[in-house]
Every structure is written in structure tokens, then in C-alpha cells.
N, C-alpha and C. Protein backbone atom coordinates (compact mmCIF):
# COMPACT_ATOMS: atom_id res chain seq x y z
N MET A 1 122.97 158.95 54.04
CA MET A 1 123.11 160.10 54.94
C MET A 1 123.55 159.65 56.33
N LEU A 2 122.89 158.61 56.88
CA LEU A 2 123.23 158.14 58.22
C LEU A 2 124.65 157.58 58.28
N LYS A 3 125.03 156.77 57.28
CA LYS A 3 126.37 156.20 57.26
C LYS A 3 127.43 157.28 57.08
N ALA A 4 127.11 158.28 56.28
CA ALA A 4 128.09 159.33 55.99
C ALA A 4 128.43 160.16 57.21
N ARG A 5 127.45 160.28 58.13
CA ARG A 5 127.70 161.12 59.32
C ARG A 5 127.84 160.26 60.59
N GLU A 6 128.11 158.98 60.42
CA GLU A 6 128.20 158.07 61.57
C GLU A 6 129.37 158.45 62.49
N PRO A 7 129.12 158.62 63.79
CA PRO A 7 130.21 158.96 64.71
C PRO A 7 131.01 157.73 65.12
N ALA A 8 132.19 157.95 65.68
CA ALA A 8 133.03 156.86 66.17
C ALA A 8 132.80 156.65 67.66
N LEU A 9 132.76 155.39 68.09
CA LEU A 9 132.61 155.08 69.50
C LEU A 9 133.98 155.17 70.17
N LEU A 10 134.06 155.95 71.26
CA LEU A 10 135.32 156.17 71.94
C LEU A 10 135.53 155.14 73.06
N ASP A 11 136.78 154.83 73.33
CA ASP A 11 137.13 153.89 74.40
C ASP A 11 137.36 154.68 75.68
N ARG A 12 136.29 154.78 76.50
CA ARG A 12 136.36 155.52 77.75
C ARG A 12 135.75 154.69 78.86
N GLU A 13 136.15 154.99 80.10
CA GLU A 13 135.65 154.23 81.24
C GLU A 13 134.46 154.91 81.91
N ASP A 14 134.12 156.12 81.49
CA ASP A 14 133.03 156.86 82.14
C ASP A 14 131.76 156.82 81.29
N GLY A 15 131.44 155.64 80.77
CA GLY A 15 130.24 155.50 79.96
C GLY A 15 130.58 155.42 78.49
N HIS A 16 129.56 155.44 77.66
CA HIS A 16 129.74 155.41 76.21
C HIS A 16 129.76 156.83 75.66
N TRP A 17 130.79 157.13 74.89
CA TRP A 17 130.94 158.45 74.28
C TRP A 17 131.25 158.28 72.80
N TYR A 18 130.83 159.26 72.01
CA TYR A 18 131.02 159.21 70.57
C TYR A 18 131.68 160.50 70.07
N GLN A 19 132.45 160.36 69.01
CA GLN A 19 133.08 161.52 68.38
C GLN A 19 132.59 161.64 66.94
N THR A 20 132.06 162.81 66.60
CA THR A 20 131.55 163.03 65.24
C THR A 20 132.71 163.31 64.29
N LYS A 21 132.40 163.33 63.01
CA LYS A 21 133.42 163.62 62.01
C LYS A 21 133.89 165.08 62.09
N PHE A 22 133.16 165.89 62.87
CA PHE A 22 133.56 167.28 63.08
C PHE A 22 134.21 167.47 64.45
N ASP A 23 134.64 166.32 65.04
CA ASP A 23 135.40 166.30 66.30
C ASP A 23 134.61 166.79 67.51
N LYS A 24 133.31 166.75 67.42
CA LYS A 24 132.49 167.01 68.61
C LYS A 24 132.34 165.70 69.37
N ILE A 25 132.43 165.74 70.69
CA ILE A 25 132.35 164.54 71.52
C ILE A 25 131.10 164.62 72.39
N TYR A 26 130.24 163.61 72.23
CA TYR A 26 128.96 163.59 72.93
C TYR A 26 128.80 162.30 73.74
N PRO A 27 128.13 162.40 74.91
CA PRO A 27 127.81 161.18 75.67
C PRO A 27 126.66 160.44 75.00
N SER A 28 126.60 159.15 75.25
CA SER A 28 125.46 158.38 74.73
C SER A 28 124.22 158.70 75.54
N ILE A 29 123.06 158.46 74.95
CA ILE A 29 121.81 158.67 75.68
C ILE A 29 121.71 157.70 76.86
N SER A 30 122.29 156.50 76.74
CA SER A 30 122.27 155.57 77.87
C SER A 30 123.11 156.09 79.03
N THR A 31 124.25 156.73 78.73
CA THR A 31 125.08 157.35 79.77
C THR A 31 124.33 158.47 80.45
N ILE A 32 123.62 159.27 79.67
CA ILE A 32 122.84 160.38 80.21
C ILE A 32 121.72 159.88 81.11
N LEU A 33 121.00 158.88 80.66
CA LEU A 33 119.88 158.36 81.46
C LEU A 33 120.38 157.70 82.74
N SER A 34 121.52 157.03 82.68
CA SER A 34 122.08 156.42 83.88
C SER A 34 122.47 157.49 84.89
N ALA A 35 123.09 158.57 84.41
CA ALA A 35 123.55 159.64 85.30
C ALA A 35 122.40 160.43 85.91
N THR A 36 121.26 160.45 85.24
CA THR A 36 120.13 161.27 85.71
C THR A 36 118.98 160.43 86.25
N SER A 37 119.23 159.14 86.48
CA SER A 37 118.18 158.28 87.02
C SER A 37 117.86 158.67 88.47
N SER A 38 116.74 158.19 88.95
CA SER A 38 116.29 158.54 90.29
C SER A 38 117.23 157.98 91.36
N GLU A 39 117.23 158.62 92.52
CA GLU A 39 118.07 158.13 93.62
C GLU A 39 117.66 156.73 94.03
N ASP A 40 116.36 156.44 93.98
CA ASP A 40 115.88 155.10 94.33
C ASP A 40 116.50 154.05 93.41
N LYS A 41 116.55 154.37 92.12
CA LYS A 41 117.11 153.42 91.16
C LYS A 41 118.61 153.25 91.38
N LYS A 42 119.31 154.35 91.60
CA LYS A 42 120.75 154.27 91.84
C LYS A 42 121.04 153.51 93.12
N ASN A 43 120.25 153.77 94.17
CA ASN A 43 120.45 153.08 95.45
C ASN A 43 120.14 151.60 95.33
N GLY A 44 119.14 151.28 94.50
CA GLY A 44 118.78 149.88 94.31
C GLY A 44 119.91 149.11 93.65
N LEU A 45 120.56 149.73 92.65
CA LEU A 45 121.68 149.09 91.99
C LEU A 45 122.86 148.92 92.93
N THR A 46 123.13 149.96 93.72
CA THR A 46 124.22 149.90 94.70
C THR A 46 123.98 148.80 95.71
N SER A 47 122.73 148.70 96.18
CA SER A 47 122.37 147.68 97.16
C SER A 47 122.50 146.28 96.58
N TRP A 48 122.07 146.10 95.34
CA TRP A 48 122.18 144.80 94.69
C TRP A 48 123.64 144.37 94.59
N LYS A 49 124.51 145.29 94.19
CA LYS A 49 125.93 144.96 94.07
C LYS A 49 126.53 144.60 95.43
N ALA A 50 126.09 145.31 96.48
CA ALA A 50 126.62 145.07 97.82
C ALA A 50 126.18 143.72 98.37
N ASN A 51 125.00 143.26 97.96
CA ASN A 51 124.44 142.04 98.51
C ASN A 51 124.55 140.82 97.59
N GLU A 52 125.14 141.03 96.40
CA GLU A 52 125.30 139.94 95.45
C GLU A 52 126.79 139.76 95.15
N PRO A 53 127.44 138.79 95.83
CA PRO A 53 128.88 138.60 95.64
C PRO A 53 129.27 138.33 94.19
N ALA A 54 128.36 137.76 93.43
CA ALA A 54 128.68 137.40 92.04
C ALA A 54 128.19 138.45 91.05
N HIS A 55 128.00 139.69 91.51
CA HIS A 55 127.39 140.69 90.64
C HIS A 55 128.21 140.96 89.38
N GLU A 56 129.54 140.92 89.49
CA GLU A 56 130.37 141.16 88.31
C GLU A 56 130.20 140.05 87.28
N TYR A 57 130.15 138.80 87.76
CA TYR A 57 129.96 137.66 86.85
C TYR A 57 128.58 137.72 86.20
N ILE A 58 127.55 138.01 87.01
CA ILE A 58 126.18 138.07 86.49
C ILE A 58 126.06 139.17 85.44
N THR A 59 126.66 140.33 85.71
CA THR A 59 126.60 141.45 84.77
C THR A 59 127.31 141.11 83.47
N LYS A 60 128.50 140.50 83.58
CA LYS A 60 129.25 140.16 82.37
C LYS A 60 128.52 139.09 81.56
N GLN A 61 127.96 138.11 82.27
CA GLN A 61 127.23 137.05 81.58
C GLN A 61 126.02 137.63 80.84
N ALA A 62 125.30 138.55 81.49
CA ALA A 62 124.14 139.18 80.86
C ALA A 62 124.56 139.97 79.62
N GLN A 63 125.70 140.67 79.72
CA GLN A 63 126.19 141.43 78.57
C GLN A 63 126.54 140.51 77.41
N ASP A 64 127.19 139.38 77.72
CA ASP A 64 127.58 138.44 76.67
C ASP A 64 126.35 137.83 75.99
N ILE A 65 125.37 137.47 76.79
CA ILE A 65 124.13 136.90 76.24
C ILE A 65 123.43 137.93 75.36
N GLY A 66 123.38 139.17 75.84
CA GLY A 66 122.75 140.24 75.06
C GLY A 66 123.48 140.49 73.75
N THR A 67 124.81 140.51 73.80
CA THR A 67 125.60 140.74 72.60
C THR A 67 125.38 139.64 71.57
N GLN A 68 125.41 138.39 72.02
CA GLN A 68 125.20 137.27 71.09
C GLN A 68 123.78 137.28 70.52
N SER A 69 122.80 137.58 71.36
CA SER A 69 121.41 137.62 70.89
C SER A 69 121.21 138.71 69.84
N HIS A 70 121.82 139.88 70.09
CA HIS A 70 121.74 140.96 69.11
C HIS A 70 122.39 140.55 67.79
N LYS A 71 123.53 139.89 67.88
CA LYS A 71 124.23 139.47 66.65
C LYS A 71 123.40 138.44 65.88
N MET A 72 122.72 137.55 66.60
CA MET A 72 121.88 136.57 65.92
C MET A 72 120.75 137.25 65.16
N ILE A 73 120.13 138.25 65.80
CA ILE A 73 119.04 138.96 65.13
C ILE A 73 119.57 139.74 63.93
N GLU A 74 120.74 140.37 64.11
CA GLU A 74 121.36 141.09 63.00
C GLU A 74 121.64 140.15 61.83
N ASP A 75 122.22 138.99 62.12
CA ASP A 75 122.52 138.02 61.06
C ASP A 75 121.23 137.50 60.42
N TYR A 76 120.20 137.29 61.23
CA TYR A 76 118.90 136.83 60.70
C TYR A 76 118.33 137.85 59.72
N LEU A 77 118.37 139.13 60.10
CA LEU A 77 117.82 140.17 59.23
C LEU A 77 118.65 140.31 57.96
N ASN A 78 119.95 140.01 58.07
CA ASN A 78 120.83 140.07 56.89
C ASN A 78 120.86 138.75 56.12
N LYS A 79 120.07 137.77 56.62
CA LYS A 79 119.95 136.46 55.97
C LYS A 79 121.29 135.71 55.91
N VAL A 80 122.08 135.83 56.97
CA VAL A 80 123.37 135.11 57.02
C VAL A 80 123.52 134.36 58.36
N LEU A 81 122.42 134.07 59.04
CA LEU A 81 122.49 133.47 60.36
C LEU A 81 122.98 132.03 60.31
N SER A 82 123.98 131.73 61.17
CA SER A 82 124.48 130.36 61.35
C SER A 82 124.41 130.04 62.84
N PHE A 83 123.55 129.11 63.22
CA PHE A 83 123.33 128.82 64.64
C PHE A 83 124.56 128.23 65.31
N GLU A 84 125.45 127.63 64.54
CA GLU A 84 126.62 126.97 65.12
C GLU A 84 127.55 127.95 65.83
N GLU A 85 127.45 129.22 65.52
CA GLU A 85 128.37 130.21 66.07
C GLU A 85 127.98 130.67 67.48
N PHE A 86 126.79 130.31 67.96
CA PHE A 86 126.26 130.92 69.16
C PHE A 86 125.97 129.91 70.27
N ASP A 87 125.98 130.41 71.50
CA ASP A 87 125.73 129.57 72.67
C ASP A 87 124.23 129.24 72.79
N LEU A 88 123.94 128.32 73.71
CA LEU A 88 122.58 127.80 73.84
C LEU A 88 121.58 128.86 74.29
N LEU A 89 121.91 129.66 75.31
CA LEU A 89 120.95 130.62 75.84
C LEU A 89 120.64 131.74 74.85
N PRO A 90 121.63 132.35 74.20
CA PRO A 90 121.28 133.34 73.17
C PRO A 90 120.43 132.75 72.05
N THR A 91 120.70 131.49 71.70
CA THR A 91 119.89 130.84 70.67
C THR A 91 118.45 130.69 71.14
N ALA A 92 118.27 130.35 72.42
CA ALA A 92 116.91 130.24 72.98
C ALA A 92 116.20 131.59 72.95
N HIS A 93 116.91 132.66 73.29
CA HIS A 93 116.32 134.00 73.24
C HIS A 93 115.91 134.35 71.80
N PHE A 94 116.78 134.04 70.85
CA PHE A 94 116.47 134.33 69.45
C PHE A 94 115.20 133.59 69.02
N ASN A 95 115.15 132.30 69.30
CA ASN A 95 113.98 131.51 68.91
C ASN A 95 112.72 132.01 69.59
N ASN A 96 112.88 132.50 70.82
CA ASN A 96 111.74 133.03 71.56
C ASN A 96 111.20 134.29 70.89
N LEU A 97 112.10 135.14 70.39
CA LEU A 97 111.69 136.42 69.79
C LEU A 97 111.29 136.29 68.32
N LYS A 98 111.58 135.16 67.71
CA LYS A 98 111.39 135.03 66.26
C LYS A 98 109.97 135.37 65.79
N PRO A 99 108.90 135.01 66.50
CA PRO A 99 107.57 135.41 66.02
C PRO A 99 107.43 136.93 65.90
N PHE A 100 108.07 137.68 66.79
CA PHE A 100 108.04 139.14 66.69
C PHE A 100 108.89 139.62 65.52
N LEU A 101 110.01 138.96 65.28
CA LEU A 101 110.90 139.38 64.20
C LEU A 101 110.22 139.27 62.84
N GLU A 102 109.24 138.39 62.74
CA GLU A 102 108.53 138.24 61.48
C GLU A 102 107.63 139.44 61.17
N ASN A 103 107.44 140.33 62.17
CA ASN A 103 106.66 141.55 61.95
C ASN A 103 107.51 142.67 61.36
N ILE A 104 108.82 142.42 61.21
CA ILE A 104 109.76 143.44 60.73
C ILE A 104 109.88 143.38 59.21
N SER A 105 109.86 144.56 58.58
CA SER A 105 110.04 144.63 57.13
C SER A 105 110.71 145.96 56.77
N ASN A 106 111.14 146.06 55.52
CA ASN A 106 111.72 147.30 55.00
C ASN A 106 112.78 147.89 55.95
N VAL A 107 113.80 147.11 56.20
CA VAL A 107 114.87 147.53 57.11
C VAL A 107 115.62 148.74 56.53
N ILE A 108 115.75 149.78 57.36
CA ILE A 108 116.50 150.98 56.97
C ILE A 108 117.96 150.84 57.39
N CYS A 109 118.20 150.47 58.64
CA CYS A 109 119.57 150.30 59.11
C CYS A 109 119.58 149.44 60.38
N ILE A 110 120.72 148.77 60.59
CA ILE A 110 120.92 147.89 61.73
C ILE A 110 122.14 148.36 62.50
N GLU A 111 122.03 148.41 63.83
CA GLU A 111 123.15 148.85 64.68
C GLU A 111 123.72 150.18 64.16
N GLN A 112 122.82 151.16 64.06
CA GLN A 112 123.19 152.44 63.47
C GLN A 112 123.62 153.45 64.53
N ARG A 113 124.86 153.93 64.43
CA ARG A 113 125.33 155.00 65.30
C ARG A 113 124.81 156.34 64.78
N MET A 114 124.29 157.15 65.70
CA MET A 114 123.73 158.44 65.32
C MET A 114 124.07 159.46 66.40
N TYR A 115 123.82 160.73 66.10
CA TYR A 115 124.01 161.77 67.11
C TYR A 115 123.12 162.96 66.80
N SER A 116 122.99 163.82 67.78
CA SER A 116 122.23 165.06 67.63
C SER A 116 123.10 166.22 68.08
N ASP A 117 123.40 167.15 67.16
CA ASP A 117 124.10 168.37 67.54
C ASP A 117 123.20 169.26 68.40
N GLU A 118 121.90 169.19 68.13
CA GLU A 118 120.95 170.01 68.90
C GLU A 118 120.95 169.61 70.37
N LEU A 119 120.93 168.31 70.64
CA LEU A 119 120.85 167.84 72.03
C LEU A 119 122.22 167.49 72.62
N LYS A 120 123.25 167.46 71.76
CA LYS A 120 124.60 167.08 72.20
C LYS A 120 124.59 165.69 72.85
N VAL A 121 124.09 164.73 72.07
CA VAL A 121 123.94 163.36 72.55
C VAL A 121 124.13 162.42 71.36
N ALA A 122 124.53 161.19 71.64
CA ALA A 122 124.72 160.19 70.58
C ALA A 122 124.20 158.84 71.07
N GLY A 123 124.32 157.83 70.21
CA GLY A 123 123.87 156.50 70.60
C GLY A 123 123.82 155.57 69.41
N THR A 124 123.51 154.29 69.69
CA THR A 124 123.41 153.27 68.65
C THR A 124 122.06 152.59 68.73
N SER A 125 121.28 152.73 67.69
CA SER A 125 119.96 152.09 67.62
C SER A 125 120.11 150.67 67.12
N ASP A 126 119.43 149.71 67.78
CA ASP A 126 119.49 148.32 67.34
C ASP A 126 118.99 148.18 65.90
N LEU A 127 117.84 148.80 65.63
CA LEU A 127 117.21 148.61 64.31
C LEU A 127 116.25 149.75 64.01
N ILE A 128 116.28 150.19 62.77
CA ILE A 128 115.26 151.12 62.26
C ILE A 128 114.64 150.43 61.06
N ALA A 129 113.33 150.15 61.16
CA ALA A 129 112.63 149.40 60.13
C ALA A 129 111.13 149.57 60.34
N GLU A 130 110.37 148.99 59.46
CA GLU A 130 108.92 148.97 59.68
C GLU A 130 108.56 147.80 60.59
N TYR A 131 107.66 148.08 61.52
CA TYR A 131 107.14 147.04 62.40
C TYR A 131 105.63 147.03 62.24
N ASN A 132 105.09 145.94 61.74
CA ASN A 132 103.68 145.87 61.37
C ASN A 132 103.32 147.04 60.45
N GLY A 133 104.23 147.35 59.53
CA GLY A 133 103.96 148.36 58.52
C GLY A 133 104.21 149.79 58.91
N ILE A 134 104.69 150.03 60.15
CA ILE A 134 104.93 151.41 60.63
C ILE A 134 106.42 151.59 60.89
N LEU A 135 107.01 152.64 60.32
CA LEU A 135 108.42 152.92 60.54
C LEU A 135 108.68 153.12 62.03
N SER A 136 109.65 152.39 62.56
CA SER A 136 109.84 152.34 64.01
C SER A 136 111.32 152.29 64.39
N ILE A 137 111.60 152.74 65.61
CA ILE A 137 112.86 152.45 66.28
C ILE A 137 112.62 151.17 67.06
N ILE A 138 113.44 150.13 66.81
CA ILE A 138 113.21 148.82 67.42
C ILE A 138 114.44 148.41 68.23
N ASP A 139 114.22 148.05 69.47
CA ASP A 139 115.30 147.55 70.33
C ASP A 139 114.92 146.17 70.85
N TYR A 140 115.93 145.33 71.09
CA TYR A 140 115.69 144.01 71.67
C TYR A 140 116.41 143.92 73.00
N LYS A 141 115.76 143.26 73.96
CA LYS A 141 116.33 143.10 75.29
C LYS A 141 116.24 141.64 75.72
N THR A 142 117.29 141.17 76.39
CA THR A 142 117.24 139.85 77.01
C THR A 142 117.30 140.04 78.51
N LYS A 143 116.38 139.42 79.22
CA LYS A 143 116.25 139.62 80.66
C LYS A 143 116.18 138.28 81.37
N ARG A 144 116.42 138.31 82.68
CA ARG A 144 116.35 137.08 83.46
C ARG A 144 114.90 136.73 83.79
N LYS A 145 114.02 137.73 83.83
CA LYS A 145 112.61 137.49 84.13
C LYS A 145 111.73 138.45 83.35
N PRO A 146 110.43 138.18 83.26
CA PRO A 146 109.53 139.08 82.53
C PRO A 146 109.56 140.50 83.10
N GLN A 147 109.25 141.47 82.23
CA GLN A 147 109.28 142.87 82.60
C GLN A 147 107.86 143.44 82.73
N ILE A 148 107.73 144.54 83.47
CA ILE A 148 106.48 145.26 83.52
C ILE A 148 106.70 146.62 82.85
N ASP A 149 105.63 147.22 82.41
CA ASP A 149 105.72 148.46 81.63
C ASP A 149 106.51 149.54 82.37
N GLU A 150 106.30 149.66 83.65
CA GLU A 150 106.97 150.68 84.45
C GLU A 150 108.49 150.55 84.36
N HIS A 151 108.99 149.32 84.31
CA HIS A 151 110.43 149.09 84.27
C HIS A 151 111.04 149.38 82.90
N MET A 152 110.20 149.60 81.90
CA MET A 152 110.69 149.85 80.53
C MET A 152 110.81 151.34 80.23
N TYR A 153 110.45 152.19 81.18
CA TYR A 153 110.36 153.63 80.94
C TYR A 153 111.64 154.22 80.37
N GLU A 154 112.79 153.86 80.96
CA GLU A 154 114.06 154.42 80.48
C GLU A 154 114.32 154.01 79.02
N TYR A 155 113.88 152.83 78.63
CA TYR A 155 114.06 152.40 77.24
C TYR A 155 113.20 153.22 76.29
N TYR A 156 112.01 153.62 76.76
CA TYR A 156 111.16 154.47 75.92
C TYR A 156 111.83 155.83 75.68
N LEU A 157 112.46 156.37 76.72
CA LEU A 157 113.18 157.64 76.57
C LEU A 157 114.36 157.46 75.62
N GLN A 158 115.09 156.35 75.78
CA GLN A 158 116.27 156.09 74.96
C GLN A 158 115.90 155.98 73.48
N THR A 159 114.90 155.19 73.17
CA THR A 159 114.51 154.99 71.77
C THR A 159 113.86 156.25 71.19
N THR A 160 113.17 157.02 72.02
CA THR A 160 112.63 158.29 71.55
C THR A 160 113.75 159.25 71.17
N CYS A 161 114.85 159.19 71.91
CA CYS A 161 116.02 160.00 71.58
C CYS A 161 116.61 159.56 70.24
N TYR A 162 116.63 158.26 69.98
CA TYR A 162 117.10 157.77 68.68
C TYR A 162 116.23 158.33 67.55
N ALA A 163 114.93 158.38 67.79
CA ALA A 163 114.02 158.93 66.77
C ALA A 163 114.35 160.40 66.50
N HIS A 164 114.70 161.14 67.57
CA HIS A 164 115.10 162.54 67.41
C HIS A 164 116.37 162.64 66.56
N MET A 165 117.35 161.79 66.84
CA MET A 165 118.60 161.80 66.07
C MET A 165 118.33 161.48 64.61
N PHE A 166 117.45 160.51 64.36
CA PHE A 166 117.13 160.10 63.00
C PHE A 166 116.49 161.26 62.23
N LYS A 167 115.57 161.96 62.87
CA LYS A 167 114.91 163.08 62.20
C LYS A 167 115.90 164.20 61.91
N GLU A 168 116.81 164.47 62.86
CA GLU A 168 117.80 165.52 62.65
C GLU A 168 118.70 165.18 61.46
N ALA A 169 118.99 163.89 61.27
CA ALA A 169 119.88 163.48 60.18
C ALA A 169 119.17 163.39 58.84
N THR A 170 117.89 162.97 58.84
CA THR A 170 117.20 162.65 57.59
C THR A 170 116.01 163.55 57.28
N GLY A 171 115.49 164.23 58.30
CA GLY A 171 114.29 165.04 58.11
C GLY A 171 113.01 164.24 58.22
N GLU A 172 113.12 162.94 58.43
CA GLU A 172 111.94 162.07 58.50
C GLU A 172 111.60 161.75 59.95
N LYS A 173 110.34 161.92 60.30
CA LYS A 173 109.91 161.68 61.68
C LYS A 173 109.51 160.22 61.87
N ILE A 174 110.00 159.65 62.96
CA ILE A 174 109.55 158.33 63.41
C ILE A 174 108.79 158.53 64.71
N ASN A 175 107.58 158.00 64.77
CA ASN A 175 106.76 158.22 65.96
C ASN A 175 106.35 156.93 66.65
N GLN A 176 107.04 155.84 66.33
CA GLN A 176 106.76 154.57 67.02
C GLN A 176 108.05 153.93 67.48
N VAL A 177 108.07 153.51 68.74
CA VAL A 177 109.20 152.74 69.26
C VAL A 177 108.67 151.37 69.70
N VAL A 178 109.51 150.36 69.47
CA VAL A 178 109.13 148.98 69.80
C VAL A 178 110.26 148.35 70.58
N ILE A 179 109.95 147.82 71.76
CA ILE A 179 110.93 147.11 72.58
C ILE A 179 110.49 145.65 72.65
N LEU A 180 111.35 144.76 72.16
CA LEU A 180 111.05 143.33 72.18
C LEU A 180 111.89 142.67 73.26
N VAL A 181 111.24 141.96 74.17
CA VAL A 181 111.93 141.42 75.34
C VAL A 181 111.74 139.91 75.43
N SER A 182 112.87 139.21 75.56
CA SER A 182 112.85 137.77 75.82
C SER A 182 113.42 137.54 77.21
N SER A 183 112.78 136.69 78.00
CA SER A 183 113.29 136.40 79.34
C SER A 183 113.70 134.94 79.44
N GLU A 184 114.52 134.66 80.45
CA GLU A 184 114.96 133.29 80.69
C GLU A 184 113.83 132.42 81.25
N LYS A 185 112.68 133.05 81.53
CA LYS A 185 111.49 132.31 81.95
C LYS A 185 110.67 131.87 80.74
N ASN A 186 111.26 132.05 79.55
CA ASN A 186 110.64 131.64 78.29
C ASN A 186 109.40 132.48 77.97
N THR A 187 109.42 133.74 78.39
CA THR A 187 108.36 134.66 78.01
C THR A 187 108.89 135.62 76.96
N ARG A 188 108.03 136.08 76.09
CA ARG A 188 108.39 137.14 75.15
C ARG A 188 107.35 138.24 75.26
N GLN A 189 107.83 139.48 75.19
CA GLN A 189 106.96 140.63 75.38
C GLN A 189 107.24 141.67 74.30
N GLU A 190 106.18 142.37 73.93
CA GLU A 190 106.25 143.39 72.89
C GLU A 190 105.69 144.68 73.48
N PHE A 191 106.54 145.69 73.61
CA PHE A 191 106.12 146.99 74.13
C PHE A 191 106.16 148.00 72.98
N VAL A 192 105.01 148.53 72.60
CA VAL A 192 104.91 149.46 71.48
C VAL A 192 104.40 150.80 72.02
N LYS A 193 105.17 151.87 71.75
CA LYS A 193 104.83 153.18 72.30
C LYS A 193 104.94 154.26 71.23
N THR A 194 104.34 155.41 71.52
CA THR A 194 104.38 156.57 70.64
C THR A 194 105.42 157.56 71.15
N CYS A 195 106.34 157.95 70.29
CA CYS A 195 107.42 158.85 70.71
C CYS A 195 106.90 160.15 71.30
N ASP A 196 105.84 160.69 70.72
CA ASP A 196 105.33 161.98 71.18
C ASP A 196 105.05 161.99 72.69
N ASP A 197 104.75 160.83 73.24
CA ASP A 197 104.44 160.74 74.68
C ASP A 197 105.70 160.84 75.55
N TYR A 198 106.87 160.70 74.93
CA TYR A 198 108.11 160.64 75.72
C TYR A 198 109.12 161.72 75.36
N VAL A 199 108.78 162.58 74.40
CA VAL A 199 109.72 163.62 73.98
C VAL A 199 110.06 164.56 75.12
N GLU A 200 109.05 165.08 75.81
CA GLU A 200 109.30 166.07 76.87
C GLU A 200 110.15 165.50 78.01
N PRO A 201 109.79 164.33 78.57
CA PRO A 201 110.65 163.79 79.64
C PRO A 201 112.05 163.44 79.16
N MET A 202 112.18 163.02 77.89
CA MET A 202 113.52 162.75 77.35
C MET A 202 114.34 164.03 77.29
N LEU A 203 113.75 165.10 76.79
CA LEU A 203 114.45 166.39 76.70
C LEU A 203 114.83 166.90 78.09
N GLU A 204 113.95 166.69 79.07
CA GLU A 204 114.23 167.14 80.44
C GLU A 204 115.44 166.42 81.01
N ARG A 205 115.55 165.12 80.75
CA ARG A 205 116.70 164.36 81.27
C ARG A 205 118.00 164.79 80.59
N VAL A 206 117.96 165.04 79.29
CA VAL A 206 119.15 165.49 78.57
C VAL A 206 119.58 166.85 79.09
N GLU A 207 118.62 167.74 79.27
CA GLU A 207 118.94 169.08 79.78
C GLU A 207 119.51 169.01 81.19
N LYS A 208 118.93 168.16 82.02
CA LYS A 208 119.41 167.99 83.39
C LYS A 208 120.86 167.53 83.39
N TYR A 209 121.18 166.58 82.53
CA TYR A 209 122.55 166.06 82.45
C TYR A 209 123.52 167.17 82.08
N HIS A 210 123.20 167.91 81.04
CA HIS A 210 124.12 168.95 80.59
C HIS A 210 124.27 170.07 81.62
N LEU A 211 123.20 170.40 82.32
CA LEU A 211 123.29 171.42 83.37
C LEU A 211 124.16 170.96 84.52
N ASN A 212 124.10 169.65 84.82
CA ASN A 212 124.91 169.11 85.93
C ASN A 212 126.36 168.89 85.54
N ASN A 213 126.64 168.99 84.23
CA ASN A 213 128.00 168.70 83.77
C ASN A 213 128.62 169.88 83.02
N LEU A 214 128.20 171.08 83.37
CA LEU A 214 128.80 172.27 82.78
C LEU A 214 130.23 172.40 83.26
N GLN A 215 131.11 172.69 82.34
CA GLN A 215 132.52 172.85 82.70
C GLN A 215 132.77 174.26 83.21
């Protein structure tokens, strides 16, 4: 069902957008959350870019490390991982997260594109599988330093939205999200949350975005 209705990722410069097989075009949940983030968060990012001459290099490097780390985990779950293909830092992140990866079982889908006609939103979930025996939306993050729970809030909204998309497509409810974080400080963190706690704020952000972008 999920593969049959998988949307296509569009090549656009204004965020990530997807097109369904019925030619509906929806923004990604990450694009929505970025556009509706607090002024403090937006100003903080603007200030960092203004005061960090190498911000473009740092951002690109972080994206490359994240992409390679995700691919390593994907290959590991598919039992086709070859370490020779990857750089040193992504390999370190993978090895750091491996104890958490051993909690994963009964994989439903990896890097799954989904959408919601109800919310007019789309996105790509890193992994849908059981985590410690509970069906979960699972995302992995690579960071330069350890994270605190407050800084993970947007990810909880994002993964809760994926759970909504999954239920709309399959009829099955997922009520657990798991964010696994590896940092360059050699720390690993596991954030496990209940979707029900984040549904309302997620819906509010989606509604705010669509109200601000009425044609």
C-alpha cells in the first residue's frame, strides 16, 4: 500500500515538495516546520550564518555526513553494509548508534515517502519498524554535540506527522516515535516519545502554514 501510493520528490529551491500519483503537490513536513518556527529560532539561524564565515561549508559537510550515516544504517538493516564505501566520521556515527540499532526488529519500510491528503503534507520517514517490540517511527540524527530534549521538539512534531501519514495510508496507528542521535563528542542518545502528546501542536503548525500560504 505504501509503495503503491509513494509520491515523487520534486526538484525545487523553496524546500522539499512532493507530487502524488494524482498530481497533488504538497510541501514536506520539514518545510512546514521550518516556515512556522519561532522568530527566536529563525533569528538564531540568521545570526549564526552572519557570524560564521564557513556556514555554507559546515552545512554541506553536516548534510554529507548525515546522508552517509543514513545510508550505512539502511544498508545494515538490509544486511548489505560494506564499510569500505563510507568516510571515517559517518562510520564512527554508525558504530556509535549500533547498540540502539540492535533494538530494531520487524522492519516495515526504510526511507519511505508518504503523504496526507487530509493535512496536505508529505515527507520521508527514515524507518518504520518495531523498537523494543513496539511499532515506531524511527529517525536518526548526527550532530556536532549532544542534544537536550527541548531541542528535539521539532523532530517530535515531524515524526508524529509521519505517524499520521502512515495511519491515513494503512489504517494502522503508530503511537511511538524514536529519535536516535549520535554526536561528534562520541555520545549517543535515545529519545522515545508518545505521538498522542504531539498531535495537537503538529496540527496547529500545519494549519498555520496553510493559512499563511493561501493563494
